[in-house]
Protein backbone atom coordinates (compact mmCIF):
# COMPACT_ATOMS: atom_id res chain seq x y z
CA UNK A 1 -0.20 0.03 0.04
CA UNK A 2 1.49 3.25 -0.82
CA UNK A 3 1.59 5.91 2.10
CA UNK A 4 1.53 9.28 1.46
CA UNK A 5 3.31 11.84 4.06
CA UNK A 6 2.52 15.52 4.18
CA UNK A 7 3.03 18.95 5.69
CA UNK A 8 -0.07 19.03 8.39
CA UNK A 9 -2.62 22.14 7.33
CA UNK A 10 -4.58 21.37 10.70
CA UNK A 11 -2.52 22.29 13.95
CA UNK A 12 -4.97 21.57 15.85
CA UNK A 13 -5.53 17.37 14.50
CA UNK A 14 -1.90 17.50 14.81
CA UNK A 15 -1.67 18.15 18.25
CA UNK A 16 -4.71 16.01 19.01
CA UNK A 17 -2.95 13.50 17.67
CA UNK A 18 0.01 13.81 19.57
CA UNK A 19 -1.86 13.52 22.93
CA UNK A 20 -4.00 10.94 21.83
CA UNK A 21 -0.63 8.81 21.55
CA UNK A 22 1.00 9.85 24.31
CA UNK A 23 -2.12 9.96 26.23
CA UNK A 24 -0.73 14.01 28.14
CA UNK A 25 -3.08 15.55 30.88
CA UNK A 26 -4.59 17.80 28.02
CA UNK A 27 -4.34 21.76 28.34
CA UNK A 28 -5.02 24.93 27.59
CA UNK A 29 -1.77 25.94 26.64
CA UNK A 30 -2.02 25.14 23.20
CA UNK A 31 -0.23 27.81 21.23
CA UNK A 32 3.16 26.57 23.94
CA UNK A 33 3.06 22.94 23.32
CA UNK A 34 3.56 23.37 19.53
CA UNK A 35 6.19 25.79 19.89
CA UNK A 36 9.77 25.12 18.41
CA UNK A 37 8.27 22.72 16.23
CA UNK A 38 7.84 24.70 12.96
CA UNK A 39 4.38 24.95 10.90
CA UNK A 40 6.68 23.48 8.14
CA UNK A 41 8.01 20.89 10.10
CA UNK A 42 4.89 19.11 10.85
CA UNK A 43 4.14 16.27 9.07
CA UNK A 44 1.03 13.77 9.21
CA UNK A 45 -0.28 10.55 7.56
CA UNK A 46 -3.63 9.33 6.57
CA UNK A 47 -5.27 6.49 5.76
CA UNK A 48 -8.37 6.25 3.85
CA UNK A 49 -9.77 4.02 6.63
CA UNK A 50 -8.13 5.98 9.24
CA UNK A 51 -9.40 7.99 11.93
CA UNK A 52 -10.60 12.07 10.91
CA UNK A 53 -10.07 13.87 13.92
CA UNK A 54 -6.98 12.85 14.65
CA UNK A 55 -4.07 11.83 11.76
CA UNK A 56 -2.98 8.23 11.37
CA UNK A 57 0.69 8.85 12.17
CA UNK A 58 2.60 12.86 12.92
CA UNK A 59 6.17 13.19 12.96
CA UNK A 60 7.82 16.63 14.02
CA UNK A 61 11.19 18.16 13.28
CA UNK A 62 13.20 20.49 15.66
CA UNK A 63 15.73 23.35 13.99
CA UNK A 64 18.71 22.25 16.30
CA UNK A 65 22.45 22.43 16.35
CA UNK A 66 24.94 19.46 17.82
CA UNK A 67 28.71 20.24 18.48
CA UNK A 68 30.62 17.84 16.97
CA UNK A 69 34.59 16.63 17.30
CA UNK A 70 36.52 18.99 16.44
CA UNK A 71 34.29 21.87 17.27
CA UNK A 72 31.56 22.06 14.36
CA UNK A 73 28.69 22.68 15.10
CA UNK A 74 26.49 21.86 11.89
CA UNK A 75 22.59 22.22 11.86
CA UNK A 76 21.24 18.89 12.65
CA UNK A 77 17.29 17.56 12.30
CA UNK A 78 15.86 17.33 15.89
CA UNK A 79 13.12 14.36 15.22
CA UNK A 80 10.21 14.42 17.53
CA UNK A 81 6.74 14.00 17.81
CA UNK A 82 6.76 10.44 16.02
CA UNK A 83 3.74 8.71 17.01
CA UNK A 84 1.60 6.45 14.82
CA UNK A 85 -2.32 6.60 16.07
CA UNK A 86 -3.51 2.90 18.01
CA UNK A 87 -5.67 1.72 15.07
CA UNK A 88 -3.11 1.85 12.20
CA UNK A 89 0.08 0.33 14.12
CA UNK A 90 0.98 -2.07 11.97
CA UNK A 91 0.51 -1.00 8.46
CA UNK A 92 3.94 0.69 7.47
CA UNK A 93 3.40 4.00 8.33
CA UNK A 94 6.20 4.67 10.88
CA UNK A 95 8.33 3.02 8.14
CA UNK A 96 6.52 6.02 5.50
CA UNK A 97 7.72 8.06 7.98
CA UNK A 98 10.82 7.44 8.66
CA UNK A 99 11.78 7.57 4.77
CA UNK A 100 9.77 11.03 4.68
CA UNK A 101 11.75 12.20 7.18
CA UNK A 102 15.35 11.28 5.24
CA UNK A 103 14.47 12.12 2.21
CA UNK A 104 13.37 15.45 2.98
CA UNK A 105 16.59 16.02 5.20
CA UNK A 106 18.89 15.33 2.69
CA UNK A 107 16.86 17.53 0.32
CA UNK A 108 16.74 20.68 2.69
CA UNK A 109 21.02 20.06 3.07
CA UNK A 110 21.68 18.26 6.34
CA UNK A 111 23.64 15.24 6.72
CA UNK A 112 22.11 14.41 10.09
CA UNK A 113 18.80 13.32 12.20
CA UNK A 114 19.21 13.25 16.15
CA UNK A 115 16.67 12.13 18.56
CA UNK A 116 15.75 10.44 21.33
CA UNK A 117 14.18 7.30 21.69
CA UNK A 118 10.93 6.32 23.29
CA UNK A 119 11.58 3.52 23.29
CA UNK A 120 14.93 1.86 22.14
CA UNK A 121 14.15 -0.64 20.07
CA UNK A 122 12.66 0.92 17.49
CA UNK A 123 15.10 3.41 16.12
CA UNK A 124 17.67 1.44 15.08
CA UNK A 125 15.93 -0.50 12.38
CA UNK A 126 15.65 3.14 10.60
CA UNK A 127 19.54 3.54 10.58
CA UNK A 128 20.20 5.62 14.23
CA UNK A 129 23.45 4.19 16.34
CA UNK A 130 23.41 4.81 20.43
CA UNK A 131 25.57 7.66 20.20
CA UNK A 132 26.00 9.04 24.15
CA UNK A 133 24.48 8.03 26.88
CA UNK A 134 23.85 9.81 30.01
CA UNK A 135 23.85 9.24 33.99
CA UNK A 136 21.38 9.66 36.88
CA UNK A 137 23.57 10.68 39.51
CA UNK A 138 22.48 10.39 43.15
CA UNK A 139 24.44 12.53 46.19
CA UNK A 140 24.02 13.41 49.01
CA UNK A 141 24.56 16.67 50.89
CA UNK A 142 28.13 18.16 51.73
CA UNK A 143 29.50 15.81 48.98
CA UNK A 144 33.12 16.35 48.67
CA UNK A 145 34.24 17.45 45.13
CA UNK A 146 38.19 17.18 44.61
CA UNK A 147 39.97 19.02 42.52
CA UNK A 148 43.23 20.89 42.74
CA UNK A 149 43.76 21.81 39.70
CA UNK A 150 41.22 24.19 39.52
CA UNK A 151 40.75 25.66 42.36
CA UNK A 152 41.32 29.09 41.79
CA UNK A 153 39.79 29.28 38.50
CA UNK A 154 36.55 28.07 40.14
CA UNK A 155 36.83 30.71 43.16
CA UNK A 156 36.16 33.07 40.42
CA UNK A 157 32.85 31.52 39.57
CA UNK A 158 29.84 33.11 41.69
CA UNK A 159 26.59 31.58 41.65
CA UNK A 160 23.21 33.10 41.53
CA UNK A 161 19.79 31.93 41.12
CA UNK A 162 16.97 32.47 39.50
CA UNK A 163 13.43 31.67 38.44
CA UNK A 164 12.72 30.06 34.74
CA UNK A 165 10.17 32.44 34.05
CA UNK A 166 12.15 35.86 35.02
CA UNK A 167 12.88 37.74 31.78
CA UNK A 168 15.77 36.91 28.88
CA UNK A 169 16.69 33.95 31.10
CA UNK A 170 16.18 30.90 28.37
CA UNK A 171 17.88 33.41 26.04
CA UNK A 172 20.39 33.36 28.50
CA UNK A 173 20.60 29.54 29.01
CA UNK A 174 21.08 29.16 25.39
CA UNK A 175 23.68 31.72 25.16
CA UNK A 176 25.75 29.13 27.92
CA UNK A 177 24.88 26.37 25.40
CA UNK A 178 25.85 27.76 22.31
CA UNK A 179 29.42 29.03 23.79
CA UNK A 180 29.89 25.68 25.76
CA UNK A 181 29.30 23.31 22.56
CA UNK A 182 32.58 23.68 20.52
CA UNK A 183 34.18 22.27 23.48
CA UNK A 184 32.29 19.14 24.22
CA UNK A 185 30.93 16.96 21.47
CA UNK A 186 27.82 16.29 21.37
CA UNK A 187 25.77 19.23 22.86
CA UNK A 188 22.81 19.94 20.99
CA UNK A 189 20.97 23.61 21.25
CA UNK A 190 18.06 24.16 19.92
CA UNK A 191 16.47 27.66 18.28
CA UNK A 192 15.39 30.05 20.73
CA UNK A 193 11.66 29.03 20.71
CA UNK A 194 12.68 25.88 21.41
CA UNK A 195 14.63 27.37 24.47
CA UNK A 196 11.74 29.31 25.69
CA UNK A 197 9.98 26.14 26.63
CA UNK A 198 11.81 25.96 30.21
CA UNK A 199 9.94 28.67 30.75
CA UNK A 200 6.71 27.44 30.38
CA UNK A 201 4.94 25.17 33.53
CA UNK A 202 1.11 24.54 33.16
CA UNK A 203 -0.57 24.20 36.32
CA UNK A 204 -0.80 20.47 35.71
CA UNK A 205 2.84 20.17 35.98
CA UNK A 206 3.34 22.33 38.45
CA UNK A 207 0.71 20.85 40.89
CA UNK A 208 2.46 20.78 44.33
CA UNK A 209 6.12 21.08 42.65
CA UNK A 210 8.34 24.42 43.04
CA UNK A 211 8.34 25.98 40.41
CA UNK A 212 11.39 26.03 38.28
CA UNK A 213 14.75 27.58 38.59
CA UNK A 214 18.33 27.88 37.24
CA UNK A 215 21.11 28.74 39.02
CA UNK A 216 23.63 30.48 36.68
CA UNK A 217 27.78 30.63 36.93
CA UNK A 218 29.22 33.61 36.68
CA UNK A 219 32.39 35.41 36.59
CA UNK A 220 33.24 39.38 36.33
CA UNK A 221 29.38 39.23 35.76
CA UNK A 222 29.29 37.04 32.30
CA UNK A 223 27.06 34.07 32.61
CA UNK A 224 29.88 30.73 32.20
CA UNK A 225 27.09 28.27 33.20
CA UNK A 226 23.82 26.79 34.50
CA UNK A 227 22.30 23.99 35.71
CA UNK A 228 18.36 24.16 36.08
CA UNK A 229 16.42 22.93 39.28
CA UNK A 230 13.78 22.05 41.27
CA UNK A 231 13.61 21.23 44.92
CA UNK A 232 11.12 18.86 46.67
CA UNK A 233 9.50 18.66 50.42
CA UNK A 234 10.07 15.87 52.73
CA UNK A 235 10.41 15.59 56.29
CA UNK A 236 11.35 12.27 58.32
CA UNK A 237 10.50 12.88 62.62
CA UNK A 238 10.78 15.98 62.26
CA UNK A 239 14.15 16.42 60.49
CA UNK A 240 14.48 18.13 56.15
CA UNK A 241 14.87 14.89 53.58
CA UNK A 242 14.64 17.13 50.88
CA UNK A 243 15.58 16.10 47.62
CA UNK A 244 17.09 18.46 45.04
CA UNK A 245 16.31 17.46 40.84
CA UNK A 246 18.91 19.16 38.76
CA UNK A 247 19.53 18.84 35.20
CA UNK A 248 21.60 19.28 32.29
CA UNK A 249 25.11 21.05 33.61
CA UNK A 250 26.07 23.70 30.85
CA UNK A 251 29.96 25.34 31.57
CA UNK A 252 33.37 24.91 31.80
CA UNK A 253 34.81 22.26 33.97
CA UNK A 254 35.17 24.83 37.08
CA UNK A 255 32.38 26.86 36.26
CA UNK A 256 30.67 22.83 36.67
CA UNK A 257 32.29 22.32 39.82
CA UNK A 258 31.03 25.92 41.35
CA UNK A 259 27.40 24.41 40.37
CA UNK A 260 27.32 21.36 41.72
CA UNK A 261 29.47 22.14 45.04
CA UNK A 262 26.66 24.94 45.30
CA UNK A 263 23.76 21.94 44.62
CA UNK A 264 25.28 19.91 47.22
CA UNK A 265 24.44 22.69 50.11
CA UNK A 266 20.71 24.05 49.84
CA UNK A 267 19.30 24.19 53.18
CA UNK A 268 16.76 20.97 53.57
CA UNK A 269 18.18 18.54 51.39
CA UNK A 270 19.63 15.91 51.75
CA UNK A 271 20.31 14.26 48.42
CA UNK A 272 20.89 16.12 44.94
CA UNK A 273 19.75 13.88 41.93
CA UNK A 274 22.03 15.24 39.01
CA UNK A 275 19.22 13.87 35.89
CA UNK A 276 21.27 14.06 32.97
CA UNK A 277 25.59 13.45 33.82
CA UNK A 278 27.90 12.71 30.88
CA UNK A 279 29.51 8.96 30.99
CA UNK A 280 32.67 11.14 31.11
CA UNK A 281 32.07 14.07 32.91
CA UNK A 282 34.58 14.94 35.55
CA UNK A 283 31.99 14.54 38.38
CA UNK A 284 32.85 11.18 39.14
CA UNK A 285 36.57 12.60 39.14
CA UNK A 286 35.58 15.30 41.59
CA UNK A 287 34.49 11.95 43.42
CA UNK A 288 36.64 9.72 43.53
CA UNK A 289 34.50 6.70 41.94
CA UNK A 290 31.12 5.59 41.37
CA UNK A 291 30.80 4.78 44.67
CA UNK A 292 30.66 7.66 45.85
CA UNK A 293 27.55 8.27 44.90
CA UNK A 294 24.25 7.52 46.34
CA UNK A 295 23.01 5.67 42.94
CA UNK A 296 24.06 6.03 39.50
CA UNK A 297 21.99 4.75 36.42
CA UNK A 298 22.68 5.07 33.31
CA UNK A 299 20.65 5.71 29.81
CA UNK A 300 20.92 6.13 26.23
CA UNK A 301 21.15 10.16 25.16
CA UNK A 302 21.42 11.36 21.88
CA UNK A 303 21.11 8.70 19.02
CA UNK A 304 22.21 9.90 15.60
CA UNK A 305 21.33 8.90 12.33
CA UNK A 306 23.88 9.78 9.24
CA UNK A 307 21.32 11.32 6.87
CA UNK A 308 24.29 11.67 4.55
CA UNK A 309 27.55 9.27 4.66
CA UNK A 310 29.60 11.55 2.41
CA UNK A 311 28.26 14.73 3.93
CA UNK A 312 28.71 13.28 7.75
CA UNK A 313 31.95 11.95 7.25
CA UNK A 314 33.99 15.17 6.48
CA UNK A 315 31.92 18.17 9.16
CA UNK A 316 34.24 16.07 12.25
CA UNK A 317 37.69 15.89 12.91
CA UNK A 318 39.40 12.81 13.39
CA UNK A 319 42.13 12.16 16.14
CA UNK A 320 43.80 8.88 14.47
CA UNK A 321 43.99 8.25 10.61
CA UNK A 322 41.73 5.48 8.49
CA UNK A 323 41.77 4.23 5.29
CA UNK A 324 38.58 2.04 5.45
CA UNK A 325 36.91 0.88 2.18
CA UNK A 326 33.09 -0.16 4.25
CA UNK A 327 30.30 -2.04 2.66
CA UNK A 328 27.04 0.32 4.09
CA UNK A 329 23.85 -1.07 4.72
CA UNK A 330 21.17 1.29 4.46
CA UNK A 331 17.32 0.15 3.82
CA UNK A 332 15.66 4.00 4.82
CA UNK A 333 18.52 6.09 2.55
CA UNK A 334 19.00 3.78 -0.02
CA UNK A 335 21.59 6.39 -1.38
CA UNK A 336 23.46 5.93 1.36
CA UNK A 337 24.24 2.02 0.82
CA UNK A 338 27.27 0.88 -1.29
CA UNK A 339 30.90 1.29 -0.61
CA UNK A 340 32.24 4.18 0.89
CA UNK A 341 35.99 4.88 0.86
CA UNK A 342 36.64 6.31 4.42
CA UNK A 343 39.94 8.52 4.60
CA UNK A 344 41.07 10.43 7.12
CA UNK A 345 44.20 12.09 7.19
CA UNK A 346 45.67 14.89 9.77
CA UNK A 347 42.64 15.24 11.44
CA UNK A 348 40.29 15.84 8.03
CA UNK A 349 37.67 13.45 6.97
CA UNK A 350 37.38 12.15 3.67
CA UNK A 351 34.74 9.71 2.20
CA UNK A 352 34.72 8.84 -1.53
CA UNK A 353 32.75 5.84 -3.60
CA UNK A 354 34.58 2.97 -4.28
CA UNK A 355 34.08 -0.21 -6.63
CA UNK A 356 36.75 -1.55 -4.19
CA UNK A 357 36.60 -4.82 -2.33
CA UNK A 358 35.47 -4.09 1.46
CA UNK A 359 37.22 -4.26 4.53
CA UNK A 360 34.14 -4.27 6.17
CA UNK A 361 30.49 -4.19 6.22
CA UNK A 362 28.13 -2.76 8.71
CA UNK A 363 24.73 -1.07 9.37
CA UNK A 364 24.77 2.52 8.58
CA UNK A 365 23.62 2.96 13.08
CA UNK A 366 27.39 1.73 13.24
CA UNK A 367 27.98 5.23 12.18
CA UNK A 368 26.34 6.75 13.90
CA UNK A 369 26.98 5.36 17.36
CA UNK A 370 30.22 6.28 16.37
CA UNK A 371 30.07 9.75 15.57
CA UNK A 372 29.92 11.51 17.88
CA UNK A 373 33.45 9.35 19.35
CA UNK A 374 32.23 6.88 21.32
CA UNK A 375 33.74 3.63 21.81
CA UNK A 376 32.47 1.12 19.20
CA UNK A 377 35.24 -1.61 18.72
CA UNK A 378 33.24 -4.09 21.27
CA UNK A 379 30.62 -4.66 18.42
CA UNK A 380 32.64 -6.70 16.73
CA UNK A 381 33.20 -9.12 19.21
CA UNK A 382 29.33 -8.43 19.30
CA UNK A 383 28.86 -9.88 15.82
CA UNK A 384 27.24 -6.00 14.34
CA UNK A 385 29.91 -5.77 12.16
CA UNK A 386 31.40 -8.06 9.00
CA UNK A 387 35.07 -7.41 9.19
CA UNK A 388 36.25 -8.80 5.92
CA UNK A 389 40.59 -7.38 6.46
CA UNK A 390 42.20 -7.88 9.90
CA UNK A 391 42.22 -5.01 12.14
CA UNK A 392 40.49 -2.51 9.48
CA UNK A 393 36.88 -2.12 12.06
CA UNK A 394 39.53 -1.51 14.74
CA UNK A 395 41.27 0.94 12.66
CA UNK A 396 37.83 2.81 11.73
CA UNK A 397 36.97 2.91 15.22
CA UNK A 398 39.88 4.50 16.47
CA UNK A 399 39.93 6.84 14.30
CA UNK A 400 36.30 8.27 15.44
CA UNK A 401 36.84 8.19 19.10
CA UNK A 402 37.68 10.62 20.97
CA UNK A 403 39.85 11.08 24.36
CA UNK A 404 36.14 11.60 26.06
CA UNK A 405 32.74 10.92 25.56
CA UNK A 406 30.64 12.80 23.87
CA UNK A 407 28.26 15.36 25.84
CA UNK A 408 24.59 13.92 27.09
CA UNK A 409 22.27 16.20 25.93
CA UNK A 410 18.62 17.94 26.72
CA UNK A 411 15.64 15.78 25.84
CA UNK A 412 13.23 16.93 23.00
């Protein structure tokens, strides 16, 4: 059956489909919910025997940038709001939407698509690789952080607490993210409309919670980092045992150190839950290892999809040389399929088509998993890669790997 994917022309129906698929509590702030997904980046599927009040399927694209190894910060397609009506599943709707998204992204001149996966089993089959992981770390009040060679720099940092709804706060947050991005591969920054959502808290989300606040790190009155937070009261036997929930830390190591020291020193709190810490964040070194935490969990963060292998390969830098012929398997972006000579010389990458025999055979998702610098050499042992020339995949993996694992990213 041929499935047509088209741009949405009915924002109310588009939003109604999202509310049905994600079964969230409805809000009166429809205009806010659609913010950050431009009208020309909302796409729908309708079936002849499908629903009429909603669509059979929807997806959206957020305009975003993402930092890469070497410091480049190109535009990427932030895939979001992907959903299929419960009555229309197993009919090819999702596959049609994913193929449409990849084709549109390529036609618009972007070579990378990124997402946060609601269910990790879904997106690997569409060519996305898990490119960054995040840690959720619990710390006790008064936790000590040891960083002797950062003390002078950290001592210059002052922290300031502001409400998320204060004028200009979300612009400051976005500026912090953009400033930090080149030095932190994997940092994703949305446009101003998307960032403004951080200040929006409808009543059904707040309930009995404190309003969202942001803690800024400043040096000589200039922002150098920030983190969002919300406190939750709890009393045990008349003793304060509250929990402070903190989001993504932004800024230099010294700025993060100053922010963390402030987070673990709020009155009436006993636990700090850091909900989005990158796998190589200096936090664990400041703590002398994971057992210094109260709890530590690992989750997937950013998934990356190479929409155009040739263009994407040359966007980032490489820390080791390689010259490998890769047979790429790509069902949903057939223009990628086939053999590529992936070359890295003096930090610069070049990808060209070739008829030479393949050194490595792999799915395009493997390149996505490695793209931000995560180690992927273990995929050979796991049987996810076929190596035709001994040592070829290790050569490729070493070239793509970075000294520090990529940053986790804000959910979108």
